[in-house]
PDB file of N, CA and C in Angstrom:
ATOM      1  N   UNK A   1       6.701 -15.630  11.449  1.00  0.00           N
ATOM      2  CA  UNK A   1       6.684 -15.781  10.000  1.00  0.00           C
ATOM      3  C   UNK A   1       6.679 -14.402   9.338  1.00  0.00           C
ATOM      4  N   UNK A   2       7.436 -14.255   8.315  1.00  0.00           N
ATOM      5  CA  UNK A   2       7.569 -12.981   7.611  1.00  0.00           C
ATOM      6  C   UNK A   2       6.300 -12.647   6.826  1.00  0.00           C
ATOM      7  N   UNK A   3       5.928 -11.385   6.858  1.00  0.00           N
ATOM      8  CA  UNK A   3       4.773 -10.912   6.082  1.00  0.00           C
ATOM      9  C   UNK A   3       5.223 -10.626   4.650  1.00  0.00           C
ATOM     10  N   UNK A   4       4.334 -10.900   3.697  1.00  0.00           N
ATOM     11  CA  UNK A   4       4.631 -10.548   2.303  1.00  0.00           C
ATOM     12  C   UNK A   4       3.878  -9.264   1.956  1.00  0.00           C
ATOM     13  N   UNK A   5       4.579  -8.392   1.222  1.00  0.00           N
ATOM     14  CA  UNK A   5       4.047  -7.067   0.934  1.00  0.00           C
ATOM     15  C   UNK A   5       4.295  -6.703  -0.530  1.00  0.00           C
ATOM     16  N   UNK A   6       3.355  -5.952  -1.137  1.00  0.00           N
ATOM     17  CA  UNK A   6       3.649  -5.279  -2.395  1.00  0.00           C
ATOM     18  C   UNK A   6       3.630  -3.778  -2.107  1.00  0.00           C
ATOM     19  N   UNK A   7       4.547  -3.063  -2.748  1.00  0.00           N
ATOM     20  CA  UNK A   7       4.699  -1.620  -2.536  1.00  0.00           C
ATOM     21  C   UNK A   7       4.348  -0.905  -3.838  1.00  0.00           C
ATOM     22  N   UNK A   8       3.353   0.001  -3.761  1.00  0.00           N
ATOM     23  CA  UNK A   8       2.875   0.711  -4.943  1.00  0.00           C
ATOM     24  C   UNK A   8       2.929   2.218  -4.697  1.00  0.00           C
ATOM     25  N   UNK A   9       3.697   2.917  -5.526  1.00  0.00           N
ATOM     26  CA  UNK A   9       3.796   4.380  -5.446  1.00  0.00           C
ATOM     27  C   UNK A   9       4.308   4.871  -6.793  1.00  0.00           C
ATOM     28  N   UNK A  10       3.828   6.018  -7.247  1.00  0.00           N
ATOM     29  CA  UNK A  10       4.274   6.504  -8.552  1.00  0.00           C
ATOM     30  C   UNK A  10       5.688   7.073  -8.513  1.00  0.00           C
ATOM     31  N   UNK A  11       6.234   7.262  -7.316  1.00  0.00           N
ATOM     32  CA  UNK A  11       7.609   7.747  -7.184  1.00  0.00           C
ATOM     33  C   UNK A  11       8.556   6.549  -7.020  1.00  0.00           C
ATOM     34  N   UNK A  12       9.396   6.320  -8.027  1.00  0.00           N
ATOM     35  CA  UNK A  12      10.264   5.140  -8.019  1.00  0.00           C
ATOM     36  C   UNK A  12      11.230   5.126  -6.841  1.00  0.00           C
ATOM     37  N   UNK A  13      11.747   6.297  -6.437  1.00  0.00           N
ATOM     38  CA  UNK A  13      12.650   6.356  -5.284  1.00  0.00           C
ATOM     39  C   UNK A  13      11.939   5.924  -4.009  1.00  0.00           C
ATOM     40  N   UNK A  14      10.693   6.352  -3.848  1.00  0.00           N
ATOM     41  CA  UNK A  14       9.918   5.960  -2.669  1.00  0.00           C
ATOM     42  C   UNK A  14       9.745   4.445  -2.638  1.00  0.00           C
ATOM     43  N   UNK A  15       9.393   3.862  -3.775  1.00  0.00           N
ATOM     44  CA  UNK A  15       9.202   2.404  -3.852  1.00  0.00           C
ATOM     45  C   UNK A  15      10.505   1.686  -3.493  1.00  0.00           C
ATOM     46  N   UNK A  16      11.619   2.142  -4.065  1.00  0.00           N
ATOM     47  CA  UNK A  16      12.907   1.494  -3.814  1.00  0.00           C
ATOM     48  C   UNK A  16      13.302   1.597  -2.340  1.00  0.00           C
ATOM     49  N   UNK A  17      13.210   2.805  -1.782  1.00  0.00           N
ATOM     50  CA  UNK A  17      13.597   3.004  -0.383  1.00  0.00           C
ATOM     51  C   UNK A  17      12.686   2.231   0.565  1.00  0.00           C
ATOM     52  N   UNK A  18      11.390   2.295   0.310  1.00  0.00           N
ATOM     53  CA  UNK A  18      10.410   1.563   1.110  1.00  0.00           C
ATOM     54  C   UNK A  18      10.734   0.070   1.085  1.00  0.00           C
ATOM     55  N   UNK A  19      10.947  -0.456  -0.118  1.00  0.00           N
ATOM     56  CA  UNK A  19      11.214  -1.885  -0.278  1.00  0.00           C
ATOM     57  C   UNK A  19      12.484  -2.301   0.439  1.00  0.00           C
ATOM     58  N   UNK A  20      13.543  -1.524   0.277  1.00  0.00           N
ATOM     59  CA  UNK A  20      14.813  -1.834   0.950  1.00  0.00           C
ATOM     60  C   UNK A  20      14.639  -1.841   2.462  1.00  0.00           C
ATOM     61  N   UNK A  21      13.961  -0.838   2.993  1.00  0.00           N
ATOM     62  CA  UNK A  21      13.770  -0.752   4.442  1.00  0.00           C
ATOM     63  C   UNK A  21      12.955  -1.935   4.955  1.00  0.00           C
ATOM     64  N   UNK A  22      11.877  -2.274   4.257  1.00  0.00           N
ATOM     65  CA  UNK A  22      11.041  -3.395   4.685  1.00  0.00           C
ATOM     66  C   UNK A  22      11.832  -4.693   4.682  1.00  0.00           C
ATOM     67  N   UNK A  23      12.600  -4.927   3.604  1.00  0.00           N
ATOM     68  CA  UNK A  23      13.420  -6.139   3.513  1.00  0.00           C
ATOM     69  C   UNK A  23      14.431  -6.213   4.668  1.00  0.00           C
ATOM     70  N   UNK A  24      15.056  -5.069   4.970  1.00  0.00           N
ATOM     71  CA  UNK A  24      16.026  -5.020   6.080  1.00  0.00           C
ATOM     72  C   UNK A  24      15.379  -5.348   7.416  1.00  0.00           C
ATOM     73  N   UNK A  25      14.072  -5.162   7.508  1.00  0.00           N
ATOM     74  CA  UNK A  25      13.344  -5.430   8.748  1.00  0.00           C
ATOM     75  C   UNK A  25      12.550  -6.735   8.693  1.00  0.00           C
ATOM     76  N   UNK A  26      12.963  -7.626   7.802  1.00  0.00           N
ATOM     77  CA  UNK A  26      12.401  -8.976   7.774  1.00  0.00           C
ATOM     78  C   UNK A  26      11.039  -9.099   7.114  1.00  0.00           C
ATOM     79  N   UNK A  27      10.652  -8.103   6.339  1.00  0.00           N
ATOM     80  CA  UNK A  27       9.376  -8.173   5.626  1.00  0.00           C
ATOM     81  C   UNK A  27       9.689  -8.486   4.162  1.00  0.00           C
ATOM     82  N   UNK A  28       8.985  -9.463   3.635  1.00  0.00           N
ATOM     83  CA  UNK A  28       9.248  -9.963   2.293  1.00  0.00           C
ATOM     84  C   UNK A  28       8.499  -9.136   1.242  1.00  0.00           C
ATOM     85  N   UNK A  29       9.222  -8.299   0.504  1.00  0.00           N
ATOM     86  CA  UNK A  29       8.608  -7.495  -0.556  1.00  0.00           C
ATOM     87  C   UNK A  29       8.557  -8.361  -1.813  1.00  0.00           C
ATOM     88  N   UNK A  30       7.331  -8.740  -2.215  1.00  0.00           N
ATOM     89  CA  UNK A  30       7.180  -9.678  -3.331  1.00  0.00           C
ATOM     90  C   UNK A  30       6.744  -8.995  -4.623  1.00  0.00           C
ATOM     91  N   UNK A  31       6.611  -7.657  -4.583  1.00  0.00           N
ATOM     92  CA  UNK A  31       6.260  -6.944  -5.807  1.00  0.00           C
ATOM     93  C   UNK A  31       6.293  -5.442  -5.616  1.00  0.00           C
ATOM     94  N   UNK A  32       6.603  -4.747  -6.718  1.00  0.00           N
ATOM     95  CA  UNK A  32       6.617  -3.286  -6.746  1.00  0.00           C
ATOM     96  C   UNK A  32       5.826  -2.817  -7.948  1.00  0.00           C
ATOM     97  N   UNK A  33       5.149  -1.682  -7.783  1.00  0.00           N
ATOM     98  CA  UNK A  33       4.430  -1.108  -8.907  1.00  0.00           C
ATOM     99  C   UNK A  33       4.362   0.398  -8.778  1.00  0.00           C
ATOM    100  N   UNK A  34       3.969   1.037  -9.876  1.00  0.00           N
ATOM    101  CA  UNK A  34       4.002   2.503  -9.912  1.00  0.00           C
ATOM    102  C   UNK A  34       2.662   3.131 -10.269  1.00  0.00           C
ATOM    103  N   UNK A  35       1.583   2.311 -10.313  1.00  0.00           N
ATOM    104  CA  UNK A  35       0.244   2.851 -10.571  1.00  0.00           C
ATOM    105  C   UNK A  35      -0.815   1.854 -10.099  1.00  0.00           C
ATOM    106  N   UNK A  36      -2.065   2.335 -10.072  1.00  0.00           N
ATOM    107  CA  UNK A  36      -3.157   1.516  -9.566  1.00  0.00           C
ATOM    108  C   UNK A  36      -3.423   0.260 -10.378  1.00  0.00           C
ATOM    109  N   UNK A  37      -3.284   0.358 -11.693  1.00  0.00           N
ATOM    110  CA  UNK A  37      -3.525  -0.809 -12.553  1.00  0.00           C
ATOM    111  C   UNK A  37      -2.535  -1.935 -12.239  1.00  0.00           C
ATOM    112  N   UNK A  38      -1.268  -1.558 -12.064  1.00  0.00           N
ATOM    113  CA  UNK A  38      -0.242  -2.549 -11.724  1.00  0.00           C
ATOM    114  C   UNK A  38      -0.505  -3.141 -10.342  1.00  0.00           C
ATOM    115  N   UNK A  39      -0.990  -2.322  -9.423  1.00  0.00           N
ATOM    116  CA  UNK A  39      -1.299  -2.812  -8.067  1.00  0.00           C
ATOM    117  C   UNK A  39      -2.305  -3.960  -8.126  1.00  0.00           C
ATOM    118  N   UNK A  40      -3.350  -3.784  -8.919  1.00  0.00           N
ATOM    119  CA  UNK A  40      -4.387  -4.816  -9.035  1.00  0.00           C
ATOM    120  C   UNK A  40      -3.803  -6.084  -9.656  1.00  0.00           C
ATOM    121  N   UNK A  41      -3.033  -5.914 -10.719  1.00  0.00           N
ATOM    122  CA  UNK A  41      -2.403  -7.051 -11.399  1.00  0.00           C
ATOM    123  C   UNK A  41      -1.472  -7.811 -10.439  1.00  0.00           C
ATOM    124  N   UNK A  42      -0.625  -7.068  -9.719  1.00  0.00           N
ATOM    125  CA  UNK A  42       0.300  -7.697  -8.774  1.00  0.00           C
ATOM    126  C   UNK A  42      -0.445  -8.405  -7.643  1.00  0.00           C
ATOM    127  N   UNK A  43      -1.520  -7.799  -7.178  1.00  0.00           N
ATOM    128  CA  UNK A  43      -2.294  -8.426  -6.105  1.00  0.00           C
ATOM    129  C   UNK A  43      -2.827  -9.777  -6.561  1.00  0.00           C
ATOM    130  N   UNK A  44      -3.389  -9.817  -7.779  1.00  0.00           N
ATOM    131  CA  UNK A  44      -3.920 -11.075  -8.319  1.00  0.00           C
ATOM    132  C   UNK A  44      -2.824 -12.130  -8.438  1.00  0.00           C
ATOM    133  N   UNK A  45      -1.630 -11.697  -8.904  1.00  0.00           N
ATOM    134  CA  UNK A  45      -0.536 -12.637  -9.153  1.00  0.00           C
ATOM    135  C   UNK A  45       0.124 -13.136  -7.875  1.00  0.00           C
ATOM    136  N   UNK A  46       0.271 -12.256  -6.875  1.00  0.00           N
ATOM    137  CA  UNK A  46       1.105 -12.606  -5.722  1.00  0.00           C
ATOM    138  C   UNK A  46       0.347 -12.897  -4.433  1.00  0.00           C
ATOM    139  N   UNK A  47      -0.888 -12.424  -4.316  1.00  0.00           N
ATOM    140  CA  UNK A  47      -1.691 -12.595  -3.089  1.00  0.00           C
ATOM    141  C   UNK A  47      -0.869 -12.245  -1.827  1.00  0.00           C
ATOM    142  N   UNK A  48      -0.424 -10.985  -1.714  1.00  0.00           N
ATOM    143  CA  UNK A  48       0.402 -10.601  -0.559  1.00  0.00           C
ATOM    144  C   UNK A  48      -0.416 -10.515   0.731  1.00  0.00           C
ATOM    145  N   UNK A  49       0.287 -10.551   1.862  1.00  0.00           N
ATOM    146  CA  UNK A  49      -0.376 -10.350   3.156  1.00  0.00           C
ATOM    147  C   UNK A  49      -0.844  -8.899   3.285  1.00  0.00           C
ATOM    148  N   UNK A  50      -0.036  -7.970   2.754  1.00  0.00           N
ATOM    149  CA  UNK A  50      -0.327  -6.538   2.894  1.00  0.00           C
ATOM    150  C   UNK A  50      -0.010  -5.804   1.588  1.00  0.00           C
ATOM    151  N   UNK A  51      -0.861  -4.825   1.251  1.00  0.00           N
ATOM    152  CA  UNK A  51      -0.622  -3.935   0.115  1.00  0.00           C
ATOM    153  C   UNK A  51      -0.359  -2.542   0.682  1.00  0.00           C
ATOM    154  N   UNK A  52       0.819  -1.982   0.387  1.00  0.00           N
ATOM    155  CA  UNK A  52       1.131  -0.593   0.740  1.00  0.00           C
ATOM    156  C   UNK A  52       0.922   0.220  -0.520  1.00  0.00           C
ATOM    157  N   UNK A  53       0.007   1.194  -0.475  1.00  0.00           N
ATOM    158  CA  UNK A  53      -0.330   1.890  -1.713  1.00  0.00           C
ATOM    159  C   UNK A  53      -0.486   3.396  -1.523  1.00  0.00           C
ATOM    160  N   UNK A  54       0.112   4.125  -2.454  1.00  0.00           N
ATOM    161  CA  UNK A  54      -0.053   5.568  -2.516  1.00  0.00           C
ATOM    162  C   UNK A  54      -1.454   5.839  -3.077  1.00  0.00           C
ATOM    163  N   UNK A  55      -2.029   6.983  -2.731  1.00  0.00           N
ATOM    164  CA  UNK A  55      -3.377   7.286  -3.225  1.00  0.00           C
ATOM    165  C   UNK A  55      -3.389   8.080  -4.516  1.00  0.00           C
ATOM    166  N   UNK A  56      -2.446   8.992  -4.679  1.00  0.00           N
ATOM    167  CA  UNK A  56      -2.436   9.871  -5.847  1.00  0.00           C
ATOM    168  C   UNK A  56      -1.405   9.403  -6.867  1.00  0.00           C
ATOM    169  N   UNK A  57      -1.907   8.680  -7.876  1.00  0.00           N
ATOM    170  CA  UNK A  57      -1.033   8.144  -8.919  1.00  0.00           C
ATOM    171  C   UNK A  57      -1.735   8.232 -10.266  1.00  0.00           C
ATOM    172  N   UNK A  58      -0.949   8.290 -11.338  1.00  0.00           N
ATOM    173  CA  UNK A  58      -1.562   8.237 -12.673  1.00  0.00           C
ATOM    174  C   UNK A  58      -1.938   6.795 -13.025  1.00  0.00           C
ATOM    175  N   UNK A  59      -2.717   6.636 -14.070  1.00  0.00           N
ATOM    176  CA  UNK A  59      -3.091   5.310 -14.586  1.00  0.00           C
ATOM    177  C   UNK A  59      -3.701   4.417 -13.507  1.00  0.00           C
ATOM    178  N   UNK A  60      -4.720   4.915 -12.868  1.00  0.00           N
ATOM    179  CA  UNK A  60      -5.378   4.156 -11.812  1.00  0.00           C
ATOM    180  C   UNK A  60      -4.915   4.654 -10.460  1.00  0.00           C
ATOM    181  N   UNK A  61      -5.748   5.442  -9.810  1.00  0.00           N
ATOM    182  CA  UNK A  61      -5.384   5.986  -8.500  1.00  0.00           C
ATOM    183  C   UNK A  61      -5.356   4.882  -7.449  1.00  0.00           C
ATOM    184  N   UNK A  62      -4.895   5.240  -6.273  1.00  0.00           N
ATOM    185  CA  UNK A  62      -4.912   4.299  -5.154  1.00  0.00           C
ATOM    186  C   UNK A  62      -6.329   3.857  -4.832  1.00  0.00           C
ATOM    187  N   UNK A  63      -7.283   4.803  -4.899  1.00  0.00           N
ATOM    188  CA  UNK A  63      -8.675   4.436  -4.607  1.00  0.00           C
ATOM    189  C   UNK A  63      -9.226   3.460  -5.640  1.00  0.00           C
ATOM    190  N   UNK A  64      -8.840   3.645  -6.898  1.00  0.00           N
ATOM    191  CA  UNK A  64      -9.239   2.707  -7.956  1.00  0.00           C
ATOM    192  C   UNK A  64      -8.721   1.302  -7.596  1.00  0.00           C
ATOM    193  N   UNK A  65      -7.441   1.227  -7.263  1.00  0.00           N
ATOM    194  CA  UNK A  65      -6.825  -0.064  -6.946  1.00  0.00           C
ATOM    195  C   UNK A  65      -7.441  -0.690  -5.694  1.00  0.00           C
ATOM    196  N   UNK A  66      -7.678   0.129  -4.678  1.00  0.00           N
ATOM    197  CA  UNK A  66      -8.269  -0.383  -3.433  1.00  0.00           C
ATOM    198  C   UNK A  66      -9.623  -1.035  -3.731  1.00  0.00           C
ATOM    199  N   UNK A  67     -10.454  -0.357  -4.502  1.00  0.00           N
ATOM    200  CA  UNK A  67     -11.780  -0.888  -4.846  1.00  0.00           C
ATOM    201  C   UNK A  67     -11.653  -2.215  -5.592  1.00  0.00           C
ATOM    202  N   UNK A  68     -10.774  -2.251  -6.594  1.00  0.00           N
ATOM    203  CA  UNK A  68     -10.592  -3.477  -7.385  1.00  0.00           C
ATOM    204  C   UNK A  68     -10.045  -4.623  -6.516  1.00  0.00           C
ATOM    205  N   UNK A  69      -9.078  -4.315  -5.675  1.00  0.00           N
ATOM    206  CA  UNK A  69      -8.491  -5.346  -4.800  1.00  0.00           C
ATOM    207  C   UNK A  69      -9.537  -5.858  -3.822  1.00  0.00           C
ATOM    208  N   UNK A  70     -10.345  -4.969  -3.267  1.00  0.00           N
ATOM    209  CA  UNK A  70     -11.390  -5.409  -2.336  1.00  0.00           C
ATOM    210  C   UNK A  70     -12.471  -6.221  -3.044  1.00  0.00           C
ATOM    211  N   UNK A  71     -12.680  -5.960  -4.337  1.00  0.00           N
ATOM    212  CA  UNK A  71     -13.609  -6.793  -5.106  1.00  0.00           C
ATOM    213  C   UNK A  71     -13.067  -8.211  -5.240  1.00  0.00           C
ATOM    214  N   UNK A  72     -11.745  -8.330  -5.405  1.00  0.00           N
ATOM    215  CA  UNK A  72     -11.094  -9.636  -5.532  1.00  0.00           C
ATOM    216  C   UNK A  72     -11.083 -10.354  -4.186  1.00  0.00           C
ATOM    217  N   UNK A  73     -10.703  -9.620  -3.140  1.00  0.00           N
ATOM    218  CA  UNK A  73     -10.609 -10.191  -1.796  1.00  0.00           C
ATOM    219  C   UNK A  73     -11.049  -9.145  -0.771  1.00  0.00           C
ATOM    220  N   UNK A  74     -12.293  -9.248  -0.305  1.00  0.00           N
ATOM    221  CA  UNK A  74     -12.813  -8.257   0.643  1.00  0.00           C
ATOM    222  C   UNK A  74     -12.014  -8.178   1.948  1.00  0.00           C
ATOM    223  N   UNK A  75     -11.242  -9.214   2.249  1.00  0.00           N
ATOM    224  CA  UNK A  75     -10.455  -9.222   3.487  1.00  0.00           C
ATOM    225  C   UNK A  75      -9.003  -8.774   3.265  1.00  0.00           C
ATOM    226  N   UNK A  76      -8.663  -8.322   2.073  1.00  0.00           N
ATOM    227  CA  UNK A  76      -7.292  -7.896   1.766  1.00  0.00           C
ATOM    228  C   UNK A  76      -6.850  -6.810   2.745  1.00  0.00           C
ATOM    229  N   UNK A  77      -5.594  -6.930   3.230  1.00  0.00           N
ATOM    230  CA  UNK A  77      -5.038  -5.900   4.118  1.00  0.00           C
ATOM    231  C   UNK A  77      -4.352  -4.856   3.271  1.00  0.00           C
ATOM    232  N   UNK A  78      -4.884  -3.661   3.308  1.00  0.00           N
ATOM    233  CA  UNK A  78      -4.353  -2.557   2.513  1.00  0.00           C
ATOM    234  C   UNK A  78      -4.022  -1.412   3.451  1.00  0.00           C
ATOM    235  N   UNK A  79      -2.856  -0.807   3.236  1.00  0.00           N
ATOM    236  CA  UNK A  79      -2.451   0.363   4.001  1.00  0.00           C
ATOM    237  C   UNK A  79      -2.186   1.481   3.000  1.00  0.00           C
ATOM    238  N   UNK A  80      -2.894   2.591   3.168  1.00  0.00           N
ATOM    239  CA  UNK A  80      -2.718   3.745   2.281  1.00  0.00           C
ATOM    240  C   UNK A  80      -1.567   4.602   2.801  1.00  0.00           C
ATOM    241  N   UNK A  81      -0.754   5.090   1.869  1.00  0.00           N
ATOM    242  CA  UNK A  81       0.354   5.976   2.195  1.00  0.00           C
ATOM    243  C   UNK A  81       0.180   7.225   1.338  1.00  0.00           C
ATOM    244  N   UNK A  82       0.037   8.381   1.984  1.00  0.00           N
ATOM    245  CA  UNK A  82      -0.250   9.574   1.194  1.00  0.00           C
ATOM    246  C   UNK A  82       0.164  10.858   1.897  1.00  0.00           C
ATOM    247  N   UNK A  83       0.482  11.854   1.095  1.00  0.00           N
ATOM    248  CA  UNK A  83       0.749  13.191   1.621  1.00  0.00           C
ATOM    249  C   UNK A  83      -0.570  13.955   1.730  1.00  0.00           C
ATOM    250  N   UNK A  84      -1.628  13.400   1.167  1.00  0.00           N
ATOM    251  CA  UNK A  84      -2.942  14.028   1.167  1.00  0.00           C
ATOM    252  C   UNK A  84      -3.607  13.850   2.532  1.00  0.00           C
ATOM    253  N   UNK A  85      -3.715  14.949   3.279  1.00  0.00           N
ATOM    254  CA  UNK A  85      -4.334  14.847   4.601  1.00  0.00           C
ATOM    255  C   UNK A  85      -5.733  15.459   4.589  1.00  0.00           C
ATOM    256  N   UNK A  86      -6.317  15.530   3.417  1.00  0.00           N
ATOM    257  CA  UNK A  86      -7.657  16.077   3.245  1.00  0.00           C
ATOM    258  C   UNK A  86      -8.662  15.249   4.053  1.00  0.00           C
ATOM    259  N   UNK A  87      -9.593  15.938   4.680  1.00  0.00           N
ATOM    260  CA  UNK A  87     -10.590  15.264   5.515  1.00  0.00           C
ATOM    261  C   UNK A  87     -11.406  14.252   4.729  1.00  0.00           C
ATOM    262  N   UNK A  88     -11.800  14.589   3.495  1.00  0.00           N
ATOM    263  CA  UNK A  88     -12.604  13.661   2.702  1.00  0.00           C
ATOM    264  C   UNK A  88     -11.812  12.397   2.350  1.00  0.00           C
ATOM    265  N   UNK A  89     -10.507  12.543   2.158  1.00  0.00           N
ATOM    266  CA  UNK A  89      -9.658  11.369   1.894  1.00  0.00           C
ATOM    267  C   UNK A  89      -9.675  10.453   3.113  1.00  0.00           C
ATOM    268  N   UNK A  90      -9.452  11.038   4.277  1.00  0.00           N
ATOM    269  CA  UNK A  90      -9.456  10.240   5.513  1.00  0.00           C
ATOM    270  C   UNK A  90     -10.810   9.584   5.741  1.00  0.00           C
ATOM    271  N   UNK A  91     -11.870  10.326   5.444  1.00  0.00           N
ATOM    272  CA  UNK A  91     -13.222   9.800   5.615  1.00  0.00           C
ATOM    273  C   UNK A  91     -13.474   8.605   4.689  1.00  0.00           C
ATOM    274  N   UNK A  92     -13.065   8.732   3.421  1.00  0.00           N
ATOM    275  CA  UNK A  92     -13.217   7.628   2.455  1.00  0.00           C
ATOM    276  C   UNK A  92     -12.472   6.387   2.930  1.00  0.00           C
ATOM    277  N   UNK A  93     -11.231   6.584   3.391  1.00  0.00           N
ATOM    278  CA  UNK A  93     -10.425   5.444   3.853  1.00  0.00           C
ATOM    279  C   UNK A  93     -11.046   4.796   5.086  1.00  0.00           C
ATOM    280  N   UNK A  94     -11.575   5.624   5.969  1.00  0.00           N
ATOM    281  CA  UNK A  94     -12.212   5.095   7.175  1.00  0.00           C
ATOM    282  C   UNK A  94     -13.383   4.188   6.806  1.00  0.00           C
ATOM    283  N   UNK A  95     -14.192   4.626   5.832  1.00  0.00           N
ATOM    284  CA  UNK A  95     -15.330   3.814   5.379  1.00  0.00           C
ATOM    285  C   UNK A  95     -14.867   2.485   4.790  1.00  0.00           C
ATOM    286  N   UNK A  96     -13.703   2.499   4.160  1.00  0.00           N
ATOM    287  CA  UNK A  96     -13.147   1.281   3.563  1.00  0.00           C
ATOM    288  C   UNK A  96     -12.355   0.454   4.575  1.00  0.00           C
ATOM    289  N   UNK A  97     -12.245   0.973   5.800  1.00  0.00           N
ATOM    290  CA  UNK A  97     -11.499   0.314   6.883  1.00  0.00           C
ATOM    291  C   UNK A  97     -10.016   0.152   6.534  1.00  0.00           C
ATOM    292  N   UNK A  98      -9.438   1.242   6.006  1.00  0.00           N
ATOM    293  CA  UNK A  98      -8.041   1.218   5.581  1.00  0.00           C
ATOM    294  C   UNK A  98      -7.254   2.265   6.367  1.00  0.00           C
ATOM    295  N   UNK A  99      -6.195   1.833   7.052  1.00  0.00           N
ATOM    296  CA  UNK A  99      -5.376   2.808   7.780  1.00  0.00           C
ATOM    297  C   UNK A  99      -4.597   3.704   6.823  1.00  0.00           C
ATOM    298  N   UNK A 100      -4.364   4.935   7.254  1.00  0.00           N
ATOM    299  CA  UNK A 100      -3.613   5.895   6.452  1.00  0.00           C
ATOM    300  C   UNK A 100      -2.323   6.246   7.170  1.00  0.00           C
ATOM    301  N   UNK A 101      -1.215   6.142   6.446  1.00  0.00           N
ATOM    302  CA  UNK A 101       0.080   6.596   6.954  1.00  0.00           C
ATOM    303  C   UNK A 101       0.413   7.864   6.179  1.00  0.00           C
ATOM    304  N   UNK A 102       0.587   8.955   6.908  1.00  0.00           N
ATOM    305  CA  UNK A 102       0.875  10.239   6.278  1.00  0.00           C
ATOM    306  C   UNK A 102       2.334  10.336   5.865  1.00  0.00           C
ATOM    307  N   UNK A 103       2.572  10.905   4.670  1.00  0.00           N
ATOM    308  CA  UNK A 103       3.941  11.229   4.244  1.00  0.00           C
ATOM    309  C   UNK A 103       4.267  12.605   4.797  1.00  0.00           C
ATOM    310  N   UNK A 104       5.461  12.901   5.228  1.00  0.00           N
ATOM    311  CA  UNK A 104       6.547  11.933   5.394  1.00  0.00           C
ATOM    312  C   UNK A 104       6.235  11.009   6.568  1.00  0.00           C
ATOM    313  N   UNK A 105       6.553   9.756   6.416  1.00  0.00           N
ATOM    314  CA  UNK A 105       6.171   8.760   7.415  1.00  0.00           C
ATOM    315  C   UNK A 105       7.367   8.294   8.230  1.00  0.00           C
ATOM    316  N   UNK A 106       7.045   7.727   9.376  1.00  0.00           N
ATOM    317  CA  UNK A 106       8.058   7.129  10.239  1.00  0.00           C
ATOM    318  C   UNK A 106       8.053   5.628   9.941  1.00  0.00           C
ATOM    319  N   UNK A 107       9.208   5.117   9.518  1.00  0.00           N
ATOM    320  CA  UNK A 107       9.265   3.718   9.094  1.00  0.00           C
ATOM    321  C   UNK A 107       8.933   2.748  10.224  1.00  0.00           C
ATOM    322  N   UNK A 108       9.280   3.092  11.478  1.00  0.00           N
ATOM    323  CA  UNK A 108       8.941   2.165  12.565  1.00  0.00           C
ATOM    324  C   UNK A 108       7.427   2.018  12.712  1.00  0.00           C
ATOM    325  N   UNK A 109       6.685   3.079  12.406  1.00  0.00           N
ATOM    326  CA  UNK A 109       5.218   3.010  12.444  1.00  0.00           C
ATOM    327  C   UNK A 109       4.707   2.100  11.334  1.00  0.00           C
ATOM    328  N   UNK A 110       5.311   2.209  10.160  1.00  0.00           N
ATOM    329  CA  UNK A 110       4.922   1.362   9.023  1.00  0.00           C
ATOM    330  C   UNK A 110       5.138  -0.111   9.382  1.00  0.00           C
ATOM    331  N   UNK A 111       6.325  -0.415   9.918  1.00  0.00           N
ATOM    332  CA  UNK A 111       6.644  -1.809  10.307  1.00  0.00           C
ATOM    333  C   UNK A 111       5.621  -2.317  11.327  1.00  0.00           C
ATOM    334  N   UNK A 112       5.318  -1.507  12.321  1.00  0.00           N
ATOM    335  CA  UNK A 112       4.409  -1.936  13.364  1.00  0.00           C
ATOM    336  C   UNK A 112       3.002  -2.203  12.813  1.00  0.00           C
ATOM    337  N   UNK A 113       2.538  -1.381  11.882  1.00  0.00           N
ATOM    338  CA  UNK A 113       1.209  -1.595  11.292  1.00  0.00           C
ATOM    339  C   UNK A 113       1.205  -2.872  10.437  1.00  0.00           C
ATOM    340  N   UNK A 114       2.265  -3.106   9.683  1.00  0.00           N
ATOM    341  CA  UNK A 114       2.353  -4.323   8.857  1.00  0.00           C
ATOM    342  C   UNK A 114       2.368  -5.571   9.728  1.00  0.00           C
ATOM    343  N   UNK A 115       3.159  -5.532  10.797  1.00  0.00           N
ATOM    344  CA  UNK A 115       3.317  -6.702  11.664  1.00  0.00           C
ATOM    345  C   UNK A 115       2.088  -6.954  12.526  1.00  0.00           C
ATOM    346  N   UNK A 116       1.233  -5.965  12.695  1.00  0.00           N
ATOM    347  CA  UNK A 116       0.061  -6.056  13.562  1.00  0.00           C
ATOM    348  C   UNK A 116      -0.893  -7.138  13.122  1.00  0.00           C
TER     349      UNK A 116
END
């Protein structure tokens, strides 16, 4: 069965390319957004299997959205995607039990984590 995903990143090209690649690999992209506030709204509306989210965005960071989404559904599957390899960022994500995919990322790794 195909996984449903929402893709959130403030870079529109990243969202488009990510979405196209996921769709080509049998993953159902049911929403796109460009900030943390939209991520929360889309999560409520679509209830995806997985949320792919950038951490550094305007109008609600990835961490803001992660907290709000986990308040809605503590079991939500969220995967952080970021160029930020700061130790404190990794530590925060670890505490939240959220895997981090570093940019630039390998798409086969993304697919494997989603399908897991």
